[in-house]
Protein backbone atom coordinates (compact mmCIF):
# COMPACT_ATOMS: atom_id res chain seq x y z
CA UNK A 1 8.60 -9.88 -40.68
CA UNK A 2 9.25 -8.19 -37.53
CA UNK A 3 12.64 -8.24 -35.99
CA UNK A 4 13.00 -9.53 -32.51
CA UNK A 5 13.96 -6.15 -31.50
CA UNK A 6 10.91 -4.66 -32.49
CA UNK A 7 8.74 -7.15 -30.91
CA UNK A 8 10.50 -6.50 -27.81
CA UNK A 9 9.67 -2.85 -28.10
CA UNK A 10 5.86 -3.41 -28.86
CA UNK A 11 5.68 -5.93 -26.09
CA UNK A 12 7.43 -3.54 -23.63
CA UNK A 13 5.11 -0.62 -25.03
CA UNK A 14 1.88 -2.87 -24.17
CA UNK A 15 3.15 -3.89 -20.94
CA UNK A 16 3.76 0.09 -19.97
CA UNK A 17 0.64 1.64 -21.77
CA UNK A 18 -1.77 -1.13 -20.95
CA UNK A 19 -2.57 -0.91 -16.94
CA UNK A 20 -2.65 3.18 -17.40
CA UNK A 21 -5.48 2.83 -20.23
CA UNK A 22 -7.51 0.43 -18.23
CA UNK A 23 -7.42 2.23 -15.13
CA UNK A 24 -8.42 5.53 -16.80
CA UNK A 25 -5.04 6.90 -15.47
CA UNK A 26 -3.87 7.66 -19.38
CA UNK A 27 -6.46 10.23 -19.64
CA UNK A 28 -4.30 13.46 -18.63
CA UNK A 29 -7.45 15.83 -18.56
CA UNK A 30 -9.64 13.27 -16.18
CA UNK A 31 -9.39 14.56 -12.49
CA UNK A 32 -10.45 11.85 -9.67
CA UNK A 33 -12.25 13.49 -7.33
CA UNK A 34 -13.39 11.20 -4.09
CA UNK A 35 -17.13 11.39 -3.55
CA UNK A 36 -18.08 13.17 -0.16
CA UNK A 37 -20.17 10.26 0.67
CA UNK A 38 -18.00 7.74 0.50
CA UNK A 39 -15.32 9.43 2.59
CA UNK A 40 -18.25 10.21 5.01
CA UNK A 41 -18.63 6.30 4.90
CA UNK A 42 -15.16 5.29 5.60
CA UNK A 43 -15.17 8.33 8.14
CA UNK A 44 -18.57 6.90 9.67
CA UNK A 45 -17.29 3.45 9.95
CA UNK A 46 -14.15 3.98 11.91
CA UNK A 47 -15.66 6.70 14.16
CA UNK A 48 -18.75 4.05 14.82
CA UNK A 49 -16.14 1.39 15.42
CA UNK A 50 -14.02 3.74 17.82
CA UNK A 51 -16.97 4.92 19.87
CA UNK A 52 -18.14 1.54 20.50
CA UNK A 53 -21.36 1.79 18.70
CA UNK A 54 -20.69 -1.06 15.92
CA UNK A 55 -21.75 -0.31 12.68
CA UNK A 56 -22.60 3.00 10.78
CA UNK A 57 -26.06 3.43 9.85
CA UNK A 58 -26.13 6.86 8.45
CA UNK A 59 -25.78 10.36 8.65
CA UNK A 60 -28.05 12.85 10.12
CA UNK A 61 -27.21 16.52 8.47
CA UNK A 62 -29.90 18.43 10.56
CA UNK A 63 -27.99 17.16 14.07
CA UNK A 64 -24.78 17.00 12.46
CA UNK A 65 -24.44 13.32 13.64
CA UNK A 66 -23.67 9.87 12.72
CA UNK A 67 -26.36 7.37 13.63
CA UNK A 68 -24.60 4.12 14.53
CA UNK A 69 -26.04 0.51 15.34
CA UNK A 70 -26.02 0.16 19.28
CA UNK A 71 -27.64 3.54 19.98
CA UNK A 72 -24.62 5.70 19.71
CA UNK A 73 -24.85 8.68 17.78
CA UNK A 74 -21.07 10.97 17.86
CA UNK A 75 -20.95 14.34 16.50
CA UNK A 76 -19.33 15.27 13.39
CA UNK A 77 -16.81 17.77 12.89
CA UNK A 78 -17.96 21.51 12.28
CA UNK A 79 -16.29 21.63 8.70
CA UNK A 80 -18.02 18.03 7.94
CA UNK A 81 -21.31 19.42 9.53
CA UNK A 82 -21.23 23.40 7.90
CA UNK A 83 -20.34 21.79 4.26
CA UNK A 84 -22.64 20.04 1.67
CA UNK A 85 -21.80 16.45 1.86
CA UNK A 86 -24.27 15.34 -0.87
CA UNK A 87 -22.65 17.96 -3.39
CA UNK A 88 -19.61 17.57 -2.60
CA UNK A 89 -17.45 21.06 -2.64
CA UNK A 90 -14.05 21.37 -2.47
CA UNK A 91 -14.19 22.63 1.45
CA UNK A 92 -16.33 19.80 2.47
CA UNK A 93 -14.28 16.85 0.73
CA UNK A 94 -11.21 18.53 2.29
CA UNK A 95 -12.95 18.43 6.08
CA UNK A 96 -13.85 14.64 5.33
CA UNK A 97 -10.16 13.95 4.20
CA UNK A 98 -9.01 15.41 7.34
CA UNK A 99 -11.32 13.72 9.77
CA UNK A 100 -10.68 10.58 7.82
CA UNK A 101 -6.95 11.18 8.36
CA UNK A 102 -7.46 11.89 12.14
CA UNK A 103 -9.35 8.73 12.36
CA UNK A 104 -6.97 6.58 10.78
CA UNK A 105 -4.33 7.91 13.03
CA UNK A 106 -6.26 7.13 16.18
CA UNK A 107 -7.32 3.73 14.76
CA UNK A 108 -3.84 2.86 14.70
CA UNK A 109 -2.92 4.34 17.62
CA UNK A 110 -5.44 1.91 19.34
CA UNK A 111 -4.07 -1.05 17.32
CA UNK A 112 -0.66 -0.54 18.34
CA UNK A 113 -1.25 0.21 21.74
CA UNK A 114 -3.60 -2.96 21.99
CA UNK A 115 -2.39 -4.98 19.70
CA UNK A 116 1.17 -4.63 19.60
CA UNK A 117 2.56 -7.80 17.83
CA UNK A 118 0.11 -7.34 15.14
CA UNK A 119 2.73 -4.46 13.94
CA UNK A 120 5.85 -6.67 14.53
CA UNK A 121 4.99 -8.33 10.92
């Protein structure tokens, strides 16, 4: 029969380790990379809305533009345009992350300016 302290130790270990196992974070050799297409989609969503174009529809690598509903085609940053979004190399991923950060900052500044009560929660 296990003593109460051993049972508590087992429960404590399970509570700590189980979430890591479920999320895959426990595997130390696993490296999680954000997919460039996912990053591009996130960027496109914000960029299209900020430009008044509605929903992000597609990316045109030939012209380096986003296709937004409402006939808006904003250009993507040079680092994204020169990169390979489909095969997602490190340089392109970094360009997309930097662009997303700039877009998030712009979005937050717009929200703070237009909806000041939103930030007072």
